[in-house]
């Protein structure tokens, strides 16, 4: 009996420090796993952010080319509209320049919609991945660029409304068969070498058409200013993103 009792007394047990050590090791393993997973997720998100920025820069560079062409188109239209207004307000010039007036009246009012590429921005916004762009200054600069588009869309809409009224008056002044003969391939308008007659040279109608021409001329100038501001902002944004993210 003494021997048996002696054995029970000597059997080692698991004390508090043993359990604390096991708990600490388990906690350390879980915590280290969390750190590794968090670091891995951080790396993945940084890579995604850089990919989105590279794609955004490509969109912005494409916009720069489109804007250059659109600015040229609007400038040309504004100059043509200016010439048309001069003719409409100078009766003595009309008789010998009807061919030019037909050409200007057909082309000057045109305003092609600005067609830019906002694919990456829309993906960032709609997928919730805008959160990947952690620098608030960067996200603000991107938003500032894309917030300029609604003004251009509004001006395009205003131009369309003015153009509708313009066409109502123009239909009373110009011969549609002459306009048809001026049409080339696709949207091409060819200048006539003839001096076709106007349906009327009534000064009241000519002045009415001139008024809408003035409205549209002003709208084109507004579009031109908005285009140029957007182009400058885009160029600055490209430079900023390339420097910030070390990409080309």
Protein backbone atom coordinates (compact mmCIF):
# COMPACT_ATOMS: atom_id res chain seq x y z
CA UNK A 1 0.00 0.00 0.00
CA UNK A 2 2.80 2.35 0.83
CA UNK A 3 4.45 1.64 -2.50
CA UNK A 4 1.23 2.32 -4.45
CA UNK A 5 0.61 5.58 -2.59
CA UNK A 6 4.16 6.60 -3.24
CA UNK A 7 3.61 6.14 -7.01
CA UNK A 8 0.47 8.32 -7.01
CA UNK A 9 2.26 11.07 -5.21
CA UNK A 10 5.08 11.21 -7.79
CA UNK A 11 2.94 11.17 -11.00
CA UNK A 12 3.57 14.53 -12.74
CA UNK A 13 0.45 16.66 -13.52
CA UNK A 14 -0.30 19.52 -15.95
CA UNK A 15 -0.15 22.72 -14.01
CA UNK A 16 -1.34 26.25 -14.94
CA UNK A 17 1.87 27.23 -16.81
CA UNK A 18 1.65 24.16 -19.01
CA UNK A 19 -1.88 25.07 -20.12
CA UNK A 20 -0.89 28.72 -20.54
CA UNK A 21 2.05 27.70 -22.75
CA UNK A 22 -0.19 25.53 -24.96
CA UNK A 23 -2.74 28.35 -25.25
CA UNK A 24 0.01 30.86 -26.06
CA UNK A 25 1.47 28.64 -28.79
CA UNK A 26 -1.97 28.10 -30.31
CA UNK A 27 -2.70 31.83 -30.17
CA UNK A 28 0.71 32.59 -31.73
CA UNK A 29 0.06 30.14 -34.58
CA UNK A 30 -3.37 31.64 -35.31
CA UNK A 31 -2.06 35.20 -35.03
CA UNK A 32 0.88 34.50 -37.35
CA UNK A 33 -1.50 32.88 -39.82
CA UNK A 34 -3.69 35.97 -39.66
CA UNK A 35 -0.68 38.23 -40.30
CA UNK A 36 0.44 36.13 -43.26
CA UNK A 37 -3.07 36.10 -44.76
CA UNK A 38 -3.46 39.84 -44.16
CA UNK A 39 -0.11 40.54 -45.80
CA UNK A 40 -1.00 38.33 -48.74
CA UNK A 41 -4.34 40.12 -49.17
CA UNK A 42 -2.54 43.47 -48.93
CA UNK A 43 -0.15 42.42 -51.72
CA UNK A 44 -3.03 41.19 -53.89
CA UNK A 45 -5.01 44.42 -53.38
CA UNK A 46 -1.96 46.55 -54.17
CA UNK A 47 -1.46 44.60 -57.38
CA UNK A 48 -5.13 45.02 -58.31
CA UNK A 49 -4.92 48.75 -57.58
CA UNK A 50 -1.90 49.09 -59.86
CA UNK A 51 -3.65 47.13 -62.62
CA UNK A 52 -6.71 49.38 -62.39
CA UNK A 53 -4.50 52.48 -62.50
CA UNK A 54 -2.66 51.18 -65.58
CA UNK A 55 -6.01 50.52 -67.26
CA UNK A 56 -7.26 53.96 -66.21
CA UNK A 57 -4.16 55.63 -67.66
CA UNK A 58 -4.79 53.81 -70.96
CA UNK A 59 -8.37 55.15 -70.96
CA UNK A 60 -7.16 58.67 -70.21
CA UNK A 61 -4.60 58.54 -73.02
CA UNK A 62 -7.34 57.40 -75.39
CA UNK A 63 -9.48 60.31 -74.16
CA UNK A 64 -6.65 62.72 -74.96
CA UNK A 65 -6.65 61.65 -78.60
CA UNK A 66 -10.45 61.78 -78.85
CA UNK A 67 -10.53 65.21 -77.20
CA UNK A 68 -7.92 66.60 -79.60
CA UNK A 69 -10.10 65.56 -82.56
CA UNK A 70 -13.28 66.78 -80.90
CA UNK A 71 -11.73 70.17 -80.10
CA UNK A 72 -10.72 70.53 -83.75
CA UNK A 73 -14.25 69.55 -84.84
CA UNK A 74 -15.88 72.09 -82.49
CA UNK A 75 -13.42 74.85 -83.46
CA UNK A 76 -14.13 74.26 -87.15
CA UNK A 77 -17.89 74.26 -86.52
CA UNK A 78 -17.70 77.50 -84.53
CA UNK A 79 -15.71 79.22 -87.30
CA UNK A 80 -18.15 78.02 -89.93
CA UNK A 81 -21.10 79.19 -87.85
CA UNK A 82 -19.42 82.57 -87.45
CA UNK A 83 -19.11 82.85 -91.25
CA UNK A 84 -22.74 81.80 -91.74
CA UNK A 85 -23.90 84.48 -89.30
CA UNK A 86 -21.91 87.08 -91.26
CA UNK A 87 -23.58 86.08 -94.53
CA UNK A 88 -27.07 85.99 -93.02
CA UNK A 89 -26.61 89.49 -91.62
CA UNK A 90 -25.11 90.99 -94.79
CA UNK A 91 -27.77 90.88 -97.55
CA UNK A 92 -25.38 92.28 -100.16
CA UNK A 93 -23.18 89.15 -99.84
CA UNK A 94 -25.93 86.58 -100.24
CA UNK A 95 -26.60 86.63 -104.00
CA UNK A 96 -23.05 85.72 -105.03
CA UNK A 97 -22.33 83.28 -102.19
CA UNK A 98 -25.36 80.98 -101.99
CA UNK A 99 -23.20 77.91 -102.70
CA UNK A 100 -21.06 78.69 -99.68
CA UNK A 101 -24.15 79.49 -97.59
CA UNK A 102 -25.70 76.10 -98.45
CA UNK A 103 -22.44 74.40 -97.43
CA UNK A 104 -22.13 76.32 -94.16
CA UNK A 105 -25.81 75.91 -93.30
CA UNK A 106 -25.49 72.14 -93.65
CA UNK A 107 -22.19 71.61 -91.82
CA UNK A 108 -21.84 74.43 -89.29
CA UNK A 109 -24.62 73.29 -86.91
CA UNK A 110 -23.25 69.76 -86.55
CA UNK A 111 -21.88 68.74 -83.17
CA UNK A 112 -20.71 65.16 -82.85
CA UNK A 113 -21.12 63.79 -79.30
CA UNK A 114 -17.87 63.43 -77.38
CA UNK A 115 -17.19 59.70 -77.27
CA UNK A 116 -14.65 58.90 -74.55
CA UNK A 117 -13.67 55.71 -72.73
CA UNK A 118 -14.81 55.52 -69.10
CA UNK A 119 -14.77 51.70 -68.90
CA UNK A 120 -12.25 51.40 -66.07
CA UNK A 121 -13.84 54.19 -64.03
CA UNK A 122 -17.26 52.52 -64.36
CA UNK A 123 -15.78 49.17 -63.28
CA UNK A 124 -14.18 50.75 -60.23
CA UNK A 125 -17.37 52.54 -59.29
CA UNK A 126 -19.89 49.76 -59.95
CA UNK A 127 -17.86 46.85 -58.53
CA UNK A 128 -17.00 48.62 -55.28
CA UNK A 129 -13.29 48.41 -56.10
CA UNK A 130 -12.83 52.16 -55.75
CA UNK A 131 -11.85 51.28 -52.16
CA UNK A 132 -8.62 49.82 -53.59
CA UNK A 133 -7.45 53.37 -54.27
CA UNK A 134 -6.39 54.18 -50.73
CA UNK A 135 -4.89 57.61 -51.33
CA UNK A 136 -7.76 60.10 -50.90
CA UNK A 137 -5.95 62.70 -53.02
CA UNK A 138 -5.71 60.21 -55.90
CA UNK A 139 -9.39 59.26 -55.74
CA UNK A 140 -10.37 62.94 -55.57
CA UNK A 141 -8.33 63.77 -58.68
CA UNK A 142 -9.94 60.89 -60.57
CA UNK A 143 -13.43 61.97 -59.52
CA UNK A 144 -12.68 65.58 -60.47
CA UNK A 145 -11.85 64.48 -64.01
CA UNK A 146 -14.99 62.40 -64.53
CA UNK A 147 -17.24 64.99 -62.87
CA UNK A 148 -16.55 67.32 -65.82
CA UNK A 149 -18.44 65.10 -68.30
CA UNK A 150 -22.02 66.04 -67.26
CA UNK A 151 -21.46 69.67 -68.31
CA UNK A 152 -20.40 68.56 -71.80
CA UNK A 153 -23.44 66.26 -72.05
CA UNK A 154 -25.68 69.13 -70.97
CA UNK A 155 -24.22 71.44 -73.62
CA UNK A 156 -24.63 68.73 -76.26
CA UNK A 157 -28.29 68.45 -75.25
CA UNK A 158 -28.72 72.23 -75.46
CA UNK A 159 -27.13 72.22 -78.93
CA UNK A 160 -29.54 69.49 -80.04
CA UNK A 161 -32.53 71.55 -78.89
CA UNK A 162 -31.20 74.64 -80.68
CA UNK A 163 -30.48 72.59 -83.80
CA UNK A 164 -34.09 71.37 -83.87
CA UNK A 165 -35.36 74.96 -83.92
CA UNK A 166 -32.69 75.93 -86.45
CA UNK A 167 -33.85 73.21 -88.86
CA UNK A 168 -37.45 74.41 -88.68
CA UNK A 169 -36.38 77.80 -90.01
CA UNK A 170 -33.76 76.41 -92.41
CA UNK A 171 -36.41 74.25 -94.11
CA UNK A 172 -38.15 77.45 -95.24
CA UNK A 173 -34.96 78.95 -96.71
CA UNK A 174 -32.99 76.14 -98.38
CA UNK A 175 -33.85 73.89 -101.30
CA UNK A 176 -33.69 70.23 -100.13
CA UNK A 177 -32.64 69.00 -103.59
CA UNK A 178 -29.48 71.09 -103.33
CA UNK A 179 -28.69 69.54 -99.94
CA UNK A 180 -29.18 66.07 -101.44
CA UNK A 181 -26.74 66.79 -104.28
CA UNK A 182 -24.13 67.87 -101.73
CA UNK A 183 -24.18 64.50 -99.96
CA UNK A 184 -21.18 62.26 -100.54
CA UNK A 185 -20.12 58.93 -99.06
CA UNK A 186 -21.29 58.37 -95.49
CA UNK A 187 -21.58 61.68 -93.65
CA UNK A 188 -19.46 63.59 -96.18
CA UNK A 189 -20.86 66.90 -97.42
CA UNK A 190 -19.37 68.24 -100.64
CA UNK A 191 -19.23 71.93 -101.42
CA UNK A 192 -21.24 72.74 -104.56
CA UNK A 193 -19.46 74.54 -107.38
CA UNK A 194 -22.73 76.17 -108.41
CA UNK A 195 -24.55 79.13 -106.95
CA UNK A 196 -28.02 77.66 -106.32
CA UNK A 197 -30.94 79.86 -105.39
CA UNK A 198 -32.40 80.05 -101.93
CA UNK A 199 -36.10 79.32 -101.57
CA UNK A 200 -36.45 82.81 -100.11
CA UNK A 201 -34.30 85.77 -99.21
CA UNK A 202 -36.89 87.16 -96.83
CA UNK A 203 -34.90 89.18 -94.30
CA UNK A 204 -37.11 88.18 -91.38
CA UNK A 205 -36.46 84.48 -91.98
CA UNK A 206 -32.76 85.07 -92.53
CA UNK A 207 -32.59 86.99 -89.25
CA UNK A 208 -34.48 84.23 -87.45
CA UNK A 209 -32.00 81.66 -88.73
CA UNK A 210 -29.17 83.98 -87.70
CA UNK A 211 -30.52 84.15 -84.15
CA UNK A 212 -30.44 80.35 -83.77
CA UNK A 213 -27.01 80.34 -85.39
CA UNK A 214 -25.81 82.75 -82.72
CA UNK A 215 -27.25 80.52 -80.00
CA UNK A 216 -25.50 77.47 -81.43
CA UNK A 217 -22.27 79.39 -81.88
CA UNK A 218 -22.34 80.26 -78.18
CA UNK A 219 -23.05 76.65 -77.23
CA UNK A 220 -20.14 75.45 -79.36
CA UNK A 221 -17.85 77.89 -77.56
CA UNK A 222 -19.08 76.46 -74.27
CA UNK A 223 -18.35 72.93 -75.46
CA UNK A 224 -14.92 74.02 -76.66
CA UNK A 225 -14.03 75.51 -73.26
CA UNK A 226 -15.28 72.38 -71.47
CA UNK A 227 -13.33 70.12 -73.86
CA UNK A 228 -10.11 72.05 -73.36
CA UNK A 229 -10.51 72.06 -69.57
CA UNK A 230 -11.19 68.31 -69.60
CA UNK A 231 -8.15 67.68 -71.80
CA UNK A 232 -5.88 69.71 -69.52
CA UNK A 233 -7.23 67.99 -66.40
CA UNK A 234 -6.74 64.60 -68.06
CA UNK A 235 -3.15 65.36 -69.03
CA UNK A 236 -2.38 66.44 -65.45
CA UNK A 237 -4.06 63.31 -64.09
CA UNK A 238 -2.02 61.03 -66.37
CA UNK A 239 1.21 62.68 -65.24
CA UNK A 240 0.17 62.43 -61.57
CA UNK A 241 -0.82 58.74 -61.77
CA UNK A 242 2.34 57.76 -63.66
CA UNK A 243 4.49 59.45 -61.03
CA UNK A 244 2.46 58.19 -58.04
CA UNK A 245 2.36 54.56 -59.19
CA UNK A 246 5.64 54.44 -61.14
CA UNK A 247 3.97 53.28 -64.37
CA UNK A 248 3.97 54.48 -67.94
